[in-house]
Structures are given as C-alpha cells and as structure tokens.
Amino acid sequence: MHYAALGRPQDAGEFIAALQGRLRTSLDRFGQALAEGTTGGVAIVQKHGEP
C-alpha cells in the first residue's frame, strides 16, 4: 500500500489518534450546531419514548 500517496501514516496508533481527533472535532461542532439550532433541519428526536 502506498500510504504516503494516500496521505496516511503507516503507524496504526498515529492513524487512530488522528481519526479520533477528527471525529471528536466533528462531534463537537455538531453538538454546538444542535445547541444553536443551526443544523439545517437535523434534529435529535424521540420515537415512542426512546431517544
């Protein structure tokens, strides 16, 4: 595999840490958008009393 061409590290720990950072940032931004009501129509709702 050509990791350099893909822009990905060969070290699994480094790859996972970077992925977790991106996911954490995305979830933080989504949480903030939910709080501000700026999700563009996306909402967390309950169906039959279940989240």
PDB file of N, CA and C in Angstrom:
ATOM      1  N   MET A   1       0.840  -1.172   0.000  1.00  0.00           N
ATOM      2  CA  MET A   1       0.000   0.000   0.000  1.00  0.00           C
ATOM      3  C   MET A   1       0.886   1.236   0.000  1.00  0.00           C
ATOM      4  N   HIS A   2       0.486   2.251  -0.682  1.00  0.00           N
ATOM      5  CA  HIS A   2       1.262   3.481  -0.799  1.00  0.00           C
ATOM      6  C   HIS A   2       0.681   4.521   0.153  1.00  0.00           C
ATOM      7  N   TYR A   3       1.025   4.389   1.436  1.00  0.00           N
ATOM      8  CA  TYR A   3       0.473   5.255   2.468  1.00  0.00           C
ATOM      9  C   TYR A   3       0.814   6.721   2.245  1.00  0.00           C
ATOM     10  N   ALA A   4       2.030   6.983   1.773  1.00  0.00           N
ATOM     11  CA  ALA A   4       2.432   8.366   1.527  1.00  0.00           C
ATOM     12  C   ALA A   4       1.550   8.991   0.453  1.00  0.00           C
ATOM     13  N   ALA A   5       1.241   8.236  -0.592  1.00  0.00           N
ATOM     14  CA  ALA A   5       0.392   8.750  -1.668  1.00  0.00           C
ATOM     15  C   ALA A   5      -1.027   9.016  -1.162  1.00  0.00           C
ATOM     16  N   LEU A   6      -1.473   8.212  -0.194  1.00  0.00           N
ATOM     17  CA  LEU A   6      -2.809   8.393   0.379  1.00  0.00           C
ATOM     18  C   LEU A   6      -2.826   9.462   1.468  1.00  0.00           C
ATOM     19  N   GLY A   7      -1.640   9.880   1.884  1.00  0.00           N
ATOM     20  CA  GLY A   7      -1.551  10.876   2.949  1.00  0.00           C
ATOM     21  C   GLY A   7      -1.894  10.305   4.309  1.00  0.00           C
ATOM     22  N   ARG A   8      -1.640   9.021   4.502  1.00  0.00           N
ATOM     23  CA  ARG A   8      -1.946   8.335   5.763  1.00  0.00           C
ATOM     24  C   ARG A   8      -0.663   7.775   6.357  1.00  0.00           C
ATOM     25  N   PRO A   9      -0.555   7.827   7.689  1.00  0.00           N
ATOM     26  CA  PRO A   9       0.642   7.272   8.328  1.00  0.00           C
ATOM     27  C   PRO A   9       0.612   5.741   8.327  1.00  0.00           C
ATOM     28  N   GLN A  10       1.779   5.127   8.344  1.00  0.00           N
ATOM     29  CA  GLN A  10       1.865   3.675   8.405  1.00  0.00           C
ATOM     30  C   GLN A  10       1.630   3.156   9.826  1.00  0.00           C
ATOM     31  N   ASP A  11       1.914   3.985  10.817  1.00  0.00           N
ATOM     32  CA  ASP A  11       1.745   3.593  12.216  1.00  0.00           C
ATOM     33  C   ASP A  11       0.262   3.613  12.573  1.00  0.00           C
ATOM     34  N   ALA A  12      -0.256   2.469  13.017  1.00  0.00           N
ATOM     35  CA  ALA A  12      -1.680   2.349  13.325  1.00  0.00           C
ATOM     36  C   ALA A  12      -2.093   3.292  14.450  1.00  0.00           C
ATOM     37  N   GLY A  13      -1.265   3.416  15.479  1.00  0.00           N
ATOM     38  CA  GLY A  13      -1.593   4.301  16.600  1.00  0.00           C
ATOM     39  C   GLY A  13      -1.722   5.744  16.174  1.00  0.00           C
ATOM     40  N   GLU A  14      -0.826   6.178  15.302  1.00  0.00           N
ATOM     41  CA  GLU A  14      -0.853   7.546  14.780  1.00  0.00           C
ATOM     42  C   GLU A  14      -2.107   7.763  13.931  1.00  0.00           C
ATOM     43  N   PHE A  15      -2.440   6.776  13.107  1.00  0.00           N
ATOM     44  CA  PHE A  15      -3.634   6.857  12.263  1.00  0.00           C
ATOM     45  C   PHE A  15      -4.891   6.960  13.118  1.00  0.00           C
ATOM     46  N   ILE A  16      -4.994   6.113  14.152  1.00  0.00           N
ATOM     47  CA  ILE A  16      -6.179   6.101  15.010  1.00  0.00           C
ATOM     48  C   ILE A  16      -6.298   7.404  15.792  1.00  0.00           C
ATOM     49  N   ALA A  17      -5.185   7.907  16.303  1.00  0.00           N
ATOM     50  CA  ALA A  17      -5.210   9.163  17.048  1.00  0.00           C
ATOM     51  C   ALA A  17      -5.696  10.308  16.171  1.00  0.00           C
ATOM     52  N   ALA A  18      -5.230  10.355  14.936  1.00  0.00           N
ATOM     53  CA  ALA A  18      -5.668  11.410  14.012  1.00  0.00           C
ATOM     54  C   ALA A  18      -7.156  11.264  13.698  1.00  0.00           C
ATOM     55  N   LEU A  19      -7.598  10.042  13.472  1.00  0.00           N
ATOM     56  CA  LEU A  19      -9.010   9.790  13.183  1.00  0.00           C
ATOM     57  C   LEU A  19      -9.881  10.185  14.373  1.00  0.00           C
ATOM     58  N   GLN A  20      -9.467   9.809  15.578  1.00  0.00           N
ATOM     59  CA  GLN A  20     -10.228  10.165  16.772  1.00  0.00           C
ATOM     60  C   GLN A  20     -10.302  11.677  16.940  1.00  0.00           C
ATOM     61  N   GLY A  21      -9.232  12.364  16.639  1.00  0.00           N
ATOM     62  CA  GLY A  21      -9.229  13.831  16.723  1.00  0.00           C
ATOM     63  C   GLY A  21     -10.222  14.451  15.763  1.00  0.00           C
ATOM     64  N   ARG A  22     -10.242  13.940  14.525  1.00  0.00           N
ATOM     65  CA  ARG A  22     -11.191  14.475  13.533  1.00  0.00           C
ATOM     66  C   ARG A  22     -12.626  14.182  13.937  1.00  0.00           C
ATOM     67  N   LEU A  23     -12.883  12.978  14.450  1.00  0.00           N
ATOM     68  CA  LEU A  23     -14.233  12.623  14.880  1.00  0.00           C
ATOM     69  C   LEU A  23     -14.671  13.470  16.070  1.00  0.00           C
ATOM     70  N   ARG A  24     -13.779  13.676  17.023  1.00  0.00           N
ATOM     71  CA  ARG A  24     -14.089  14.484  18.196  1.00  0.00           C
ATOM     72  C   ARG A  24     -14.430  15.917  17.780  1.00  0.00           C
ATOM     73  N   THR A  25     -13.648  16.470  16.876  1.00  0.00           N
ATOM     74  CA  THR A  25     -13.897  17.825  16.387  1.00  0.00           C
ATOM     75  C   THR A  25     -15.254  17.913  15.690  1.00  0.00           C
ATOM     76  N   SER A  26     -15.556  16.924  14.865  1.00  0.00           N
ATOM     77  CA  SER A  26     -16.837  16.910  14.153  1.00  0.00           C
ATOM     78  C   SER A  26     -18.016  16.804  15.112  1.00  0.00           C
ATOM     79  N   LEU A  27     -17.899  15.946  16.110  1.00  0.00           N
ATOM     80  CA  LEU A  27     -18.981  15.800  17.090  1.00  0.00           C
ATOM     81  C   LEU A  27     -19.147  17.063  17.929  1.00  0.00           C
ATOM     82  N   ASP A  28     -18.051  17.714  18.267  1.00  0.00           N
ATOM     83  CA  ASP A  28     -18.138  18.982  18.999  1.00  0.00           C
ATOM     84  C   ASP A  28     -18.865  20.033  18.174  1.00  0.00           C
ATOM     85  N   ARG A  29     -18.529  20.116  16.894  1.00  0.00           N
ATOM     86  CA  ARG A  29     -19.180  21.087  16.010  1.00  0.00           C
ATOM     87  C   ARG A  29     -20.662  20.770  15.840  1.00  0.00           C
ATOM     88  N   PHE A  30     -20.998  19.479  15.741  1.00  0.00           N
ATOM     89  CA  PHE A  30     -22.393  19.072  15.614  1.00  0.00           C
ATOM     90  C   PHE A  30     -23.167  19.401  16.889  1.00  0.00           C
ATOM     91  N   GLY A  31     -22.568  19.124  18.036  1.00  0.00           N
ATOM     92  CA  GLY A  31     -23.210  19.446  19.308  1.00  0.00           C
ATOM     93  C   GLY A  31     -23.468  20.933  19.447  1.00  0.00           C
ATOM     94  N   GLN A  32     -22.519  21.735  19.020  1.00  0.00           N
ATOM     95  CA  GLN A  32     -22.678  23.183  19.072  1.00  0.00           C
ATOM     96  C   GLN A  32     -23.791  23.628  18.127  1.00  0.00           C
ATOM     97  N   ALA A  33     -23.842  23.047  16.939  1.00  0.00           N
ATOM     98  CA  ALA A  33     -24.885  23.395  15.972  1.00  0.00           C
ATOM     99  C   ALA A  33     -26.263  22.992  16.493  1.00  0.00           C
ATOM    100  N   LEU A  34     -26.365  21.851  17.171  1.00  0.00           N
ATOM    101  CA  LEU A  34     -27.638  21.447  17.761  1.00  0.00           C
ATOM    102  C   LEU A  34     -28.090  22.461  18.806  1.00  0.00           C
ATOM    103  N   ALA A  35     -27.160  22.882  19.654  1.00  0.00           N
ATOM    104  CA  ALA A  35     -27.479  23.849  20.702  1.00  0.00           C
ATOM    105  C   ALA A  35     -27.916  25.187  20.125  1.00  0.00           C
ATOM    106  N   GLU A  36     -27.319  25.583  19.008  1.00  0.00           N
ATOM    107  CA  GLU A  36     -27.625  26.870  18.385  1.00  0.00           C
ATOM    108  C   GLU A  36     -28.794  26.792  17.406  1.00  0.00           C
ATOM    109  N   GLY A  37     -29.217  25.577  17.088  1.00  0.00           N
ATOM    110  CA  GLY A  37     -30.306  25.411  16.127  1.00  0.00           C
ATOM    111  C   GLY A  37     -29.892  25.702  14.690  1.00  0.00           C
ATOM    112  N   THR A  38     -28.628  25.459  14.380  1.00  0.00           N
ATOM    113  CA  THR A  38     -28.113  25.757  13.035  1.00  0.00           C
ATOM    114  C   THR A  38     -27.674  24.496  12.299  1.00  0.00           C
ATOM    115  N   THR A  39     -28.427  23.404  12.479  1.00  0.00           N
ATOM    116  CA  THR A  39     -28.057  22.142  11.847  1.00  0.00           C
ATOM    117  C   THR A  39     -28.644  21.979  10.453  1.00  0.00           C
ATOM    118  N   GLY A  40     -29.432  22.929  10.013  1.00  0.00           N
ATOM    119  CA  GLY A  40     -30.026  22.827   8.690  1.00  0.00           C
ATOM    120  C   GLY A  40     -31.160  21.817   8.626  1.00  0.00           C
ATOM    121  N   GLY A  41     -31.867  21.651   9.742  1.00  0.00           N
ATOM    122  CA  GLY A  41     -33.008  20.746   9.757  1.00  0.00           C
ATOM    123  C   GLY A  41     -32.752  19.422  10.451  1.00  0.00           C
ATOM    124  N   VAL A  42     -31.508  19.139  10.822  1.00  0.00           N
ATOM    125  CA  VAL A  42     -31.199  17.903  11.533  1.00  0.00           C
ATOM    126  C   VAL A  42     -31.589  18.080  12.995  1.00  0.00           C
ATOM    127  N   ALA A  43     -32.277  17.081  13.550  1.00  0.00           N
ATOM    128  CA  ALA A  43     -32.689  17.156  14.950  1.00  0.00           C
ATOM    129  C   ALA A  43     -32.606  15.772  15.580  1.00  0.00           C
ATOM    130  N   ILE A  44     -32.422  15.757  16.884  1.00  0.00           N
ATOM    131  CA  ILE A  44     -32.447  14.520  17.652  1.00  0.00           C
ATOM    132  C   ILE A  44     -33.842  14.453  18.277  1.00  0.00           C
ATOM    133  N   VAL A  45     -34.595  13.438  17.941  1.00  0.00           N
ATOM    134  CA  VAL A  45     -35.976  13.335  18.407  1.00  0.00           C
ATOM    135  C   VAL A  45     -36.198  11.989  19.112  1.00  0.00           C
ATOM    136  N   GLN A  46     -37.337  11.886  19.786  1.00  0.00           N
ATOM    137  CA  GLN A  46     -37.704  10.634  20.416  1.00  0.00           C
ATOM    138  C   GLN A  46     -38.804   9.962  19.588  1.00  0.00           C
ATOM    139  N   LYS A  47     -38.743   8.656  19.522  1.00  0.00           N
ATOM    140  CA  LYS A  47     -39.757   7.881  18.819  1.00  0.00           C
ATOM    141  C   LYS A  47     -40.284   6.860  19.799  1.00  0.00           C
ATOM    142  N   HIS A  48     -41.541   6.958  20.124  1.00  0.00           N
ATOM    143  CA  HIS A  48     -42.177   6.057  21.096  1.00  0.00           C
ATOM    144  C   HIS A  48     -41.488   6.106  22.447  1.00  0.00           C
ATOM    145  N   GLY A  49     -41.045   7.303  22.846  1.00  0.00           N
ATOM    146  CA  GLY A  49     -40.395   7.481  24.145  1.00  0.00           C
ATOM    147  C   GLY A  49     -38.941   7.075  24.191  1.00  0.00           C
ATOM    148  N   GLU A  50     -38.387   6.601  23.095  1.00  0.00           N
ATOM    149  CA  GLU A  50     -36.978   6.188  23.038  1.00  0.00           C
ATOM    150  C   GLU A  50     -36.171   7.219  22.272  1.00  0.00           C
ATOM    151  N   PRO A  51     -34.998   7.580  22.808  1.00  0.00           N
ATOM    152  CA  PRO A  51     -34.147   8.544  22.057  1.00  0.00           C
ATOM    153  C   PRO A  51     -33.562   7.933  20.810  1.00  0.00           C
TER     154      PRO A  51
END
